[in-house]
PDB file of N, CA and C in Angstrom:
ATOM      1  N   MET A   1     -33.539  14.828   7.838  1.00  0.00           N
ATOM      2  CA  MET A   1     -32.121  15.340   7.588  1.00  0.00           C
ATOM      3  C   MET A   1     -31.706  14.668   6.445  1.00  0.00           C
ATOM      4  N   GLU A   2     -30.705  15.430   5.991  1.00  0.00           N
ATOM      5  CA  GLU A   2     -29.968  15.153   4.441  1.00  0.00           C
ATOM      6  C   GLU A   2     -28.786  14.158   4.894  1.00  0.00           C
ATOM      7  N   ASN A   3     -28.778  13.376   4.085  1.00  0.00           N
ATOM      8  CA  ASN A   3     -27.318  12.440   3.833  1.00  0.00           C
ATOM      9  C   ASN A   3     -26.460  13.245   3.703  1.00  0.00           C
ATOM     10  N   GLN A   4     -25.462  12.920   4.649  1.00  0.00           N
ATOM     11  CA  GLN A   4     -24.275  13.685   4.816  1.00  0.00           C
ATOM     12  C   GLN A   4     -23.273  12.579   4.340  1.00  0.00           C
ATOM     13  N   GLU A   5     -22.206  13.161   3.388  1.00  0.00           N
ATOM     14  CA  GLU A   5     -21.329  12.040   3.056  1.00  0.00           C
ATOM     15  C   GLU A   5     -20.171  12.378   3.704  1.00  0.00           C
ATOM     16  N   GLU A   6     -19.298  11.332   4.143  1.00  0.00           N
ATOM     17  CA  GLU A   6     -17.927  11.552   4.820  1.00  0.00           C
ATOM     18  C   GLU A   6     -16.865  11.845   3.495  1.00  0.00           C
ATOM     19  N   VAL A   7     -16.220  12.871   3.659  1.00  0.00           N
ATOM     20  CA  VAL A   7     -15.022  13.143   2.724  1.00  0.00           C
ATOM     21  C   VAL A   7     -13.658  12.484   3.205  1.00  0.00           C
ATOM     22  N   VAL A   8     -13.236  11.412   2.474  1.00  0.00           N
ATOM     23  CA  VAL A   8     -11.986  10.721   2.925  1.00  0.00           C
ATOM     24  C   VAL A   8     -10.939  11.129   1.732  1.00  0.00           C
ATOM     25  N   ARG A   9      -9.712  11.779   2.419  1.00  0.00           N
ATOM     26  CA  ARG A   9      -8.624  12.184   1.434  1.00  0.00           C
ATOM     27  C   ARG A   9      -7.825  11.086   1.054  1.00  0.00           C
ATOM     28  N   VAL A  10      -7.253  10.824   0.107  1.00  0.00           N
ATOM     29  CA  VAL A  10      -6.570   9.602  -0.266  1.00  0.00           C
ATOM     30  C   VAL A  10      -5.219  10.187  -1.183  1.00  0.00           C
ATOM     31  N   ARG A  11      -3.989   9.616  -0.724  1.00  0.00           N
ATOM     32  CA  ARG A  11      -2.923  10.116  -0.922  1.00  0.00           C
ATOM     33  C   ARG A  11      -2.420   9.480  -2.452  1.00  0.00           C
ATOM     34  N   ILE A  12      -2.175  10.352  -3.678  1.00  0.00           N
ATOM     35  CA  ILE A  12      -2.004   9.538  -4.711  1.00  0.00           C
ATOM     36  C   ILE A  12      -0.296   9.136  -4.820  1.00  0.00           C
ATOM     37  N   PRO A  13      -0.027   8.383  -5.703  1.00  0.00           N
ATOM     38  CA  PRO A  13       1.507   7.894  -5.811  1.00  0.00           C
ATOM     39  C   PRO A  13       2.301   9.109  -6.631  1.00  0.00           C
ATOM     40  N   ARG A  14       3.602   9.604  -6.117  1.00  0.00           N
ATOM     41  CA  ARG A  14       4.091  10.651  -6.567  1.00  0.00           C
ATOM     42  C   ARG A  14       5.503  10.144  -7.563  1.00  0.00           C
ATOM     43  N   LYS A  15       5.163  10.504  -8.849  1.00  0.00           N
ATOM     44  CA  LYS A  15       5.969   9.918 -10.019  1.00  0.00           C
ATOM     45  C   LYS A  15       7.648  10.422  -9.643  1.00  0.00           C
ATOM     46  N   ASP A  16       7.972  11.680  -9.034  1.00  0.00           N
ATOM     47  CA  ASP A  16       9.013  11.963  -8.590  1.00  0.00           C
ATOM     48  C   ASP A  16       9.682  11.773  -7.612  1.00  0.00           C
ATOM     49  N   GLN A  17       8.973  10.852  -6.670  1.00  0.00           N
ATOM     50  CA  GLN A  17       9.413  10.096  -5.552  1.00  0.00           C
ATOM     51  C   GLN A  17       9.316   8.442  -5.955  1.00  0.00           C
ATOM     52  N   ASN A  18       9.303   8.225  -7.086  1.00  0.00           N
ATOM     53  CA  ASN A  18       9.293   6.615  -7.475  1.00  0.00           C
ATOM     54  C   ASN A  18       8.475   5.866  -6.958  1.00  0.00           C
ATOM     55  N   GLU A  19       7.217   6.437  -6.629  1.00  0.00           N
ATOM     56  CA  GLU A  19       6.128   5.576  -6.068  1.00  0.00           C
ATOM     57  C   GLU A  19       5.072   4.968  -6.998  1.00  0.00           C
ATOM     58  N   ILE A  20       4.672   3.688  -6.800  1.00  0.00           N
ATOM     59  CA  ILE A  20       3.460   3.088  -7.928  1.00  0.00           C
ATOM     60  C   ILE A  20       2.732   2.370  -6.947  1.00  0.00           C
ATOM     61  N   LEU A  21       1.552   1.948  -7.491  1.00  0.00           N
ATOM     62  CA  LEU A  21       0.383   1.605  -6.695  1.00  0.00           C
ATOM     63  C   LEU A  21       0.625  -0.095  -6.894  1.00  0.00           C
ATOM     64  N   GLY A  22       0.075  -0.568  -5.800  1.00  0.00           N
ATOM     65  CA  GLY A  22       0.252  -2.140  -5.585  1.00  0.00           C
ATOM     66  C   GLY A  22      -0.931  -2.696  -5.025  1.00  0.00           C
ATOM     67  N   VAL A  23      -1.392  -4.119  -5.184  1.00  0.00           N
ATOM     68  CA  VAL A  23      -2.240  -4.767  -4.383  1.00  0.00           C
ATOM     69  C   VAL A  23      -1.453  -5.866  -3.537  1.00  0.00           C
ATOM     70  N   ILE A  24      -2.026  -5.708  -2.007  1.00  0.00           N
ATOM     71  CA  ILE A  24      -1.349  -6.884  -1.387  1.00  0.00           C
ATOM     72  C   ILE A  24      -1.993  -8.195  -1.877  1.00  0.00           C
ATOM     73  N   GLU A  25      -1.028  -9.383  -2.257  1.00  0.00           N
ATOM     74  CA  GLU A  25      -1.496 -10.555  -2.677  1.00  0.00           C
ATOM     75  C   GLU A  25      -1.352 -11.479  -1.174  1.00  0.00           C
ATOM     76  N   GLN A  26      -0.474 -11.391  -0.621  1.00  0.00           N
ATOM     77  CA  GLN A  26      -0.320 -12.248   0.680  1.00  0.00           C
ATOM     78  C   GLN A  26       0.561 -11.663   1.869  1.00  0.00           C
ATOM     79  N   MET A  27       0.012 -11.908   2.891  1.00  0.00           N
ATOM     80  CA  MET A  27       0.537 -11.623   4.253  1.00  0.00           C
ATOM     81  C   MET A  27       1.690 -12.506   4.468  1.00  0.00           C
ATOM     82  N   LEU A  28       3.241 -12.202   4.462  1.00  0.00           N
ATOM     83  CA  LEU A  28       3.945 -13.359   5.046  1.00  0.00           C
ATOM     84  C   LEU A  28       4.450 -13.284   6.381  1.00  0.00           C
ATOM     85  N   GLY A  29       4.102 -12.407   7.219  1.00  0.00           N
ATOM     86  CA  GLY A  29       4.536 -12.294   8.548  1.00  0.00           C
ATOM     87  C   GLY A  29       5.729 -11.585   8.590  1.00  0.00           C
ATOM     88  N   ALA A  30       6.124 -11.229   9.964  1.00  0.00           N
ATOM     89  CA  ALA A  30       7.268 -10.383  10.401  1.00  0.00           C
ATOM     90  C   ALA A  30       7.123  -8.946   9.489  1.00  0.00           C
ATOM     91  N   SER A  31       6.013  -8.526   9.597  1.00  0.00           N
ATOM     92  CA  SER A  31       5.870  -7.343   8.755  1.00  0.00           C
ATOM     93  C   SER A  31       6.073  -7.408   7.056  1.00  0.00           C
ATOM     94  N   ARG A  32       6.078  -8.264   6.689  1.00  0.00           N
ATOM     95  CA  ARG A  32       6.510  -8.676   5.308  1.00  0.00           C
ATOM     96  C   ARG A  32       4.950  -8.982   4.233  1.00  0.00           C
ATOM     97  N   VAL A  33       5.221  -8.282   3.110  1.00  0.00           N
ATOM     98  CA  VAL A  33       4.024  -8.881   2.321  1.00  0.00           C
ATOM     99  C   VAL A  33       4.461  -8.991   0.829  1.00  0.00           C
ATOM    100  N   ARG A  34       3.568  -9.733   0.362  1.00  0.00           N
ATOM    101  CA  ARG A  34       3.806  -9.762  -1.419  1.00  0.00           C
ATOM    102  C   ARG A  34       3.043  -9.015  -2.015  1.00  0.00           C
ATOM    103  N   VAL A  35       3.343  -8.094  -2.904  1.00  0.00           N
ATOM    104  CA  VAL A  35       2.712  -6.993  -3.792  1.00  0.00           C
ATOM    105  C   VAL A  35       2.637  -7.322  -5.079  1.00  0.00           C
ATOM    106  N   ARG A  36       1.875  -7.197  -5.712  1.00  0.00           N
ATOM    107  CA  ARG A  36       1.596  -7.272  -7.403  1.00  0.00           C
ATOM    108  C   ARG A  36       1.371  -5.610  -7.770  1.00  0.00           C
ATOM    109  N   CYS A  37       2.240  -5.246  -8.205  1.00  0.00           N
ATOM    110  CA  CYS A  37       2.380  -3.468  -8.785  1.00  0.00           C
ATOM    111  C   CYS A  37       1.786  -3.567  -9.972  1.00  0.00           C
ATOM    112  N   VAL A  38       1.201  -2.199 -10.353  1.00  0.00           N
ATOM    113  CA  VAL A  38       0.589  -1.886 -11.767  1.00  0.00           C
ATOM    114  C   VAL A  38       1.682  -2.308 -12.654  1.00  0.00           C
ATOM    115  N   ASP A  39       2.839  -2.106 -12.907  1.00  0.00           N
ATOM    116  CA  ASP A  39       3.977  -2.501 -13.773  1.00  0.00           C
ATOM    117  C   ASP A  39       3.689  -3.981 -14.063  1.00  0.00           C
ATOM    118  N   GLY A  40       3.211  -5.079 -13.191  1.00  0.00           N
ATOM    119  CA  GLY A  40       3.123  -6.187 -13.698  1.00  0.00           C
ATOM    120  C   GLY A  40       3.813  -7.293 -12.655  1.00  0.00           C
ATOM    121  N   LYS A  41       4.715  -6.443 -11.914  1.00  0.00           N
ATOM    122  CA  LYS A  41       6.015  -7.301 -11.285  1.00  0.00           C
ATOM    123  C   LYS A  41       5.311  -7.443  -9.679  1.00  0.00           C
ATOM    124  N   VAL A  42       5.842  -8.822  -9.531  1.00  0.00           N
ATOM    125  CA  VAL A  42       5.411  -9.116  -8.095  1.00  0.00           C
ATOM    126  C   VAL A  42       6.648  -8.769  -7.126  1.00  0.00           C
ATOM    127  N   ARG A  43       6.332  -8.077  -5.940  1.00  0.00           N
ATOM    128  CA  ARG A  43       7.441  -7.612  -5.198  1.00  0.00           C
ATOM    129  C   ARG A  43       7.104  -8.066  -3.624  1.00  0.00           C
ATOM    130  N   MET A  44       8.539  -8.270  -2.999  1.00  0.00           N
ATOM    131  CA  MET A  44       8.413  -8.269  -1.771  1.00  0.00           C
ATOM    132  C   MET A  44       8.322  -6.962  -1.055  1.00  0.00           C
ATOM    133  N   GLY A  45       7.332  -6.688  -0.215  1.00  0.00           N
ATOM    134  CA  GLY A  45       7.463  -5.240   0.744  1.00  0.00           C
ATOM    135  C   GLY A  45       7.456  -5.627   2.088  1.00  0.00           C
ATOM    136  N   ARG A  46       7.636  -4.253   2.720  1.00  0.00           N
ATOM    137  CA  ARG A  46       7.808  -4.197   4.301  1.00  0.00           C
ATOM    138  C   ARG A  46       6.806  -3.261   4.765  1.00  0.00           C
ATOM    139  N   ILE A  47       6.078  -3.689   5.914  1.00  0.00           N
ATOM    140  CA  ILE A  47       5.103  -2.398   6.376  1.00  0.00           C
ATOM    141  C   ILE A  47       5.951  -1.734   7.288  1.00  0.00           C
ATOM    142  N   PRO A  48       6.339  -0.468   7.365  1.00  0.00           N
ATOM    143  CA  PRO A  48       6.852   0.552   8.404  1.00  0.00           C
ATOM    144  C   PRO A  48       6.271   0.179   9.557  1.00  0.00           C
ATOM    145  N   GLY A  49       6.832   0.302  10.814  1.00  0.00           N
ATOM    146  CA  GLY A  49       6.435   0.227  12.062  1.00  0.00           C
ATOM    147  C   GLY A  49       5.338   1.283  12.536  1.00  0.00           C
ATOM    148  N   LYS A  50       5.541   2.511  12.102  1.00  0.00           N
ATOM    149  CA  LYS A  50       4.690   3.642  12.227  1.00  0.00           C
ATOM    150  C   LYS A  50       3.293   3.613  11.566  1.00  0.00           C
ATOM    151  N   LEU A  51       3.304   2.848  10.224  1.00  0.00           N
ATOM    152  CA  LEU A  51       2.173   2.503   9.670  1.00  0.00           C
ATOM    153  C   LEU A  51       1.260   1.236  10.266  1.00  0.00           C
ATOM    154  N   LYS A  52       2.357   0.225  10.577  1.00  0.00           N
ATOM    155  CA  LYS A  52       1.661  -1.037  11.115  1.00  0.00           C
ATOM    156  C   LYS A  52       0.891  -0.731  12.295  1.00  0.00           C
ATOM    157  N   ARG A  53       1.355   0.254  13.175  1.00  0.00           N
ATOM    158  CA  ARG A  53       0.695   0.466  14.584  1.00  0.00           C
ATOM    159  C   ARG A  53      -0.722   1.340  14.341  1.00  0.00           C
ATOM    160  N   LYS A  54      -0.885   1.753  12.989  1.00  0.00           N
ATOM    161  CA  LYS A  54      -2.028   2.838  13.061  1.00  0.00           C
ATOM    162  C   LYS A  54      -3.108   2.212  12.122  1.00  0.00           C
ATOM    163  N   ILE A  55      -2.633   1.343  11.014  1.00  0.00           N
ATOM    164  CA  ILE A  55      -3.570   0.883  10.053  1.00  0.00           C
ATOM    165  C   ILE A  55      -3.648  -0.592   9.989  1.00  0.00           C
ATOM    166  N   TRP A  56      -4.741  -1.257   9.831  1.00  0.00           N
ATOM    167  CA  TRP A  56      -4.699  -2.718   9.526  1.00  0.00           C
ATOM    168  C   TRP A  56      -4.438  -2.893   8.225  1.00  0.00           C
ATOM    169  N   ILE A  57      -3.777  -3.730   7.830  1.00  0.00           N
ATOM    170  CA  ILE A  57      -3.332  -4.010   5.987  1.00  0.00           C
ATOM    171  C   ILE A  57      -3.861  -5.622   5.996  1.00  0.00           C
ATOM    172  N   LYS A  58      -4.420  -5.608   5.028  1.00  0.00           N
ATOM    173  CA  LYS A  58      -4.826  -7.022   4.829  1.00  0.00           C
ATOM    174  C   LYS A  58      -4.974  -7.423   3.398  1.00  0.00           C
ATOM    175  N   GLU A  59      -5.117  -8.871   2.992  1.00  0.00           N
ATOM    176  CA  GLU A  59      -4.691  -9.128   1.534  1.00  0.00           C
ATOM    177  C   GLU A  59      -6.038  -8.338   0.432  1.00  0.00           C
ATOM    178  N   GLY A  60      -5.565  -7.873  -0.510  1.00  0.00           N
ATOM    179  CA  GLY A  60      -6.530  -7.220  -1.470  1.00  0.00           C
ATOM    180  C   GLY A  60      -6.492  -5.812  -1.234  1.00  0.00           C
ATOM    181  N   ASP A  61      -5.776  -5.332  -0.404  1.00  0.00           N
ATOM    182  CA  ASP A  61      -5.913  -3.815  -0.011  1.00  0.00           C
ATOM    183  C   ASP A  61      -4.898  -3.078  -0.897  1.00  0.00           C
ATOM    184  N   VAL A  62      -5.550  -1.582  -1.621  1.00  0.00           N
ATOM    185  CA  VAL A  62      -4.263  -1.119  -2.590  1.00  0.00           C
ATOM    186  C   VAL A  62      -3.292  -0.366  -1.468  1.00  0.00           C
ATOM    187  N   VAL A  63      -2.070  -0.481  -2.011  1.00  0.00           N
ATOM    188  CA  VAL A  63      -1.032   0.458  -1.338  1.00  0.00           C
ATOM    189  C   VAL A  63      -0.316   1.003  -2.343  1.00  0.00           C
ATOM    190  N   ILE A  64       0.442   2.239  -1.672  1.00  0.00           N
ATOM    191  CA  ILE A  64       1.480   2.936  -2.451  1.00  0.00           C
ATOM    192  C   ILE A  64       2.896   2.185  -2.203  1.00  0.00           C
ATOM    193  N   VAL A  65       3.681   1.850  -3.072  1.00  0.00           N
ATOM    194  CA  VAL A  65       4.830   0.955  -3.009  1.00  0.00           C
ATOM    195  C   VAL A  65       6.021   2.109  -3.472  1.00  0.00           C
ATOM    196  N   SER A  66       7.173   1.885  -2.823  1.00  0.00           N
ATOM    197  CA  SER A  66       8.430   2.867  -3.194  1.00  0.00           C
ATOM    198  C   SER A  66       9.469   1.812  -3.460  1.00  0.00           C
ATOM    199  N   PRO A  67       9.575   1.374  -4.734  1.00  0.00           N
ATOM    200  CA  PRO A  67      10.467   0.585  -4.817  1.00  0.00           C
ATOM    201  C   PRO A  67      11.942   0.665  -4.519  1.00  0.00           C
ATOM    202  N   TRP A  68      12.785  -0.217  -4.181  1.00  0.00           N
ATOM    203  CA  TRP A  68      14.229   0.019  -3.854  1.00  0.00           C
ATOM    204  C   TRP A  68      15.073  -0.469  -4.960  1.00  0.00           C
ATOM    205  N   GLU A  69      16.073   0.249  -4.694  1.00  0.00           N
ATOM    206  CA  GLU A  69      17.305  -0.669  -6.035  1.00  0.00           C
ATOM    207  C   GLU A  69      18.136  -1.544  -5.015  1.00  0.00           C
ATOM    208  N   VAL A  70      18.201  -2.767  -5.944  1.00  0.00           N
ATOM    209  CA  VAL A  70      19.073  -3.759  -5.031  1.00  0.00           C
ATOM    210  C   VAL A  70      20.246  -4.032  -5.920  1.00  0.00           C
TER     211      VAL A  70
END
């Protein structure tokens, strides 16, 4: 039999929606994380409930970050 490779689709960040890539540095609890973004800034992030129930996120994972204005 031939080797069959599984195709995985990955969504890329959309510039028009102000999304960037980041790496989870630390899990803080209560759905909060510390993320180092590709622009060099360290941000506090939040994992939405619908995503938290579907996917296990751990330190070192690459995520799409959508920064808020404060």
